[in-house]
Amino acid sequence: MKCTVCEDGGWVCGGDAAPWCNQPAGDEPPRVREGFKTEFDKKGWGH
């Protein structure tokens, strides 16, 4: 049965992990989708 939130991709949109099926164990980071890249700019987040 596929997750109704993320369709088993683990991510809802942008950098938001699906809360039910992409929960990391312990100190592990959430799994990332294939091809995911974090981009930074000098204006900061939310501009």
N, C-alpha and C. Protein backbone atom coordinates (compact mmCIF):
# COMPACT_ATOMS: atom_id res chain seq x y z
N MET A 1 0.85 -1.18 0.00
CA MET A 1 0.00 0.00 0.00
C MET A 1 0.89 1.24 0.00
N LYS A 2 0.66 2.14 -0.94
CA LYS A 2 1.46 3.36 -1.03
C LYS A 2 1.05 4.38 0.02
N CYS A 3 2.03 5.17 0.46
CA CYS A 3 1.75 6.27 1.38
C CYS A 3 0.88 7.29 0.64
N THR A 4 -0.20 7.72 1.25
CA THR A 4 -1.09 8.68 0.61
C THR A 4 -0.55 10.11 0.65
N VAL A 5 0.48 10.34 1.46
CA VAL A 5 1.07 11.67 1.56
C VAL A 5 2.15 11.88 0.51
N CYS A 6 3.05 10.91 0.36
CA CYS A 6 4.21 11.10 -0.52
C CYS A 6 4.31 10.07 -1.65
N GLU A 7 3.37 9.15 -1.73
CA GLU A 7 3.39 8.08 -2.73
C GLU A 7 4.70 7.29 -2.68
N ASP A 8 5.18 7.03 -1.47
CA ASP A 8 6.38 6.24 -1.17
C ASP A 8 7.69 6.91 -1.60
N GLY A 9 7.65 8.18 -1.89
CA GLY A 9 8.87 8.89 -2.24
C GLY A 9 9.62 9.36 -1.02
N GLY A 10 8.93 9.48 0.13
CA GLY A 10 9.56 9.92 1.37
C GLY A 10 9.56 11.42 1.55
N TRP A 11 9.18 12.17 0.51
CA TRP A 11 9.21 13.63 0.57
C TRP A 11 7.90 14.19 0.05
N VAL A 12 7.38 15.23 0.73
CA VAL A 12 6.12 15.84 0.35
C VAL A 12 6.36 16.92 -0.70
N CYS A 13 7.19 17.90 -0.39
CA CYS A 13 7.56 18.94 -1.35
C CYS A 13 8.83 19.63 -0.86
N GLY A 14 9.60 20.17 -1.76
CA GLY A 14 10.82 20.88 -1.38
C GLY A 14 11.68 20.07 -0.45
N GLY A 15 11.92 20.56 0.73
CA GLY A 15 12.75 19.87 1.72
C GLY A 15 11.96 19.29 2.86
N ASP A 16 10.68 19.01 2.65
CA ASP A 16 9.82 18.50 3.72
C ASP A 16 9.67 16.99 3.62
N ALA A 17 10.25 16.28 4.58
CA ALA A 17 10.12 14.82 4.62
C ALA A 17 8.70 14.45 5.01
N ALA A 18 8.22 13.35 4.45
CA ALA A 18 6.90 12.84 4.82
C ALA A 18 6.95 12.41 6.28
N PRO A 19 6.03 12.89 7.11
CA PRO A 19 6.12 12.65 8.55
C PRO A 19 5.92 11.21 8.99
N TRP A 20 5.22 10.39 8.21
CA TRP A 20 4.93 9.03 8.64
C TRP A 20 5.90 8.01 8.08
N CYS A 21 6.34 8.17 6.85
CA CYS A 21 7.15 7.10 6.25
C CYS A 21 8.61 7.47 6.04
N ASN A 22 9.03 8.66 6.42
CA ASN A 22 10.45 9.01 6.29
C ASN A 22 10.98 9.52 7.61
N GLN A 23 10.78 8.73 8.65
CA GLN A 23 11.30 9.09 9.96
C GLN A 23 12.62 8.39 10.18
N PRO A 24 13.68 9.15 10.43
CA PRO A 24 14.99 8.53 10.64
C PRO A 24 15.05 7.82 11.99
N ALA A 25 15.92 6.83 12.06
CA ALA A 25 16.12 6.09 13.32
C ALA A 25 17.30 6.70 14.06
N GLY A 26 17.11 7.04 15.30
CA GLY A 26 18.19 7.57 16.12
C GLY A 26 18.74 8.88 15.57
N ASP A 27 20.06 8.91 15.35
CA ASP A 27 20.74 10.11 14.86
C ASP A 27 20.86 10.16 13.34
N GLU A 28 20.23 9.22 12.65
CA GLU A 28 20.30 9.17 11.19
C GLU A 28 19.48 10.31 10.57
N PRO A 29 19.94 10.86 9.45
CA PRO A 29 19.14 11.86 8.74
C PRO A 29 18.02 11.16 7.96
N PRO A 30 16.95 11.88 7.59
CA PRO A 30 15.92 11.26 6.76
C PRO A 30 16.50 10.89 5.41
N ARG A 31 15.95 9.84 4.79
CA ARG A 31 16.47 9.46 3.47
C ARG A 31 16.12 10.56 2.48
N VAL A 32 16.98 10.76 1.51
CA VAL A 32 16.76 11.81 0.52
C VAL A 32 16.34 11.18 -0.80
N ARG A 33 15.57 11.92 -1.56
CA ARG A 33 15.14 11.39 -2.86
C ARG A 33 16.29 11.47 -3.85
N GLU A 34 16.24 10.64 -4.84
CA GLU A 34 17.29 10.58 -5.85
C GLU A 34 17.45 11.92 -6.55
N GLY A 35 18.66 12.39 -6.67
CA GLY A 35 18.95 13.65 -7.33
C GLY A 35 18.77 14.88 -6.46
N PHE A 36 18.44 14.71 -5.17
CA PHE A 36 18.22 15.85 -4.28
C PHE A 36 19.50 16.62 -4.05
N LYS A 37 19.45 17.94 -4.18
CA LYS A 37 20.60 18.80 -3.92
C LYS A 37 20.15 19.96 -3.03
N THR A 38 20.92 20.25 -2.00
CA THR A 38 20.66 21.40 -1.15
C THR A 38 21.35 22.60 -1.77
N GLU A 39 20.62 23.69 -1.92
CA GLU A 39 21.20 24.91 -2.48
C GLU A 39 21.16 26.01 -1.44
N PHE A 40 22.24 26.76 -1.35
CA PHE A 40 22.34 27.88 -0.42
C PHE A 40 22.55 29.15 -1.21
N ASP A 41 22.03 30.24 -0.70
CA ASP A 41 22.31 31.53 -1.31
C ASP A 41 22.60 32.54 -0.20
N LYS A 42 23.04 33.71 -0.57
CA LYS A 42 23.45 34.71 0.41
C LYS A 42 22.28 35.43 1.07
N LYS A 43 21.07 35.29 0.53
CA LYS A 43 19.89 35.93 1.12
C LYS A 43 19.31 35.14 2.28
N GLY A 44 19.68 33.86 2.40
CA GLY A 44 19.15 33.03 3.47
C GLY A 44 17.83 32.39 3.08
N TRP A 45 17.27 31.62 3.99
CA TRP A 45 16.03 30.91 3.69
C TRP A 45 14.83 31.84 3.79
N GLY A 46 13.80 31.49 3.12
CA GLY A 46 12.53 32.21 3.22
C GLY A 46 12.50 33.59 2.61
N HIS A 47 13.35 33.90 1.66
CA HIS A 47 13.34 35.23 1.06
C HIS A 47 12.36 35.33 -0.06
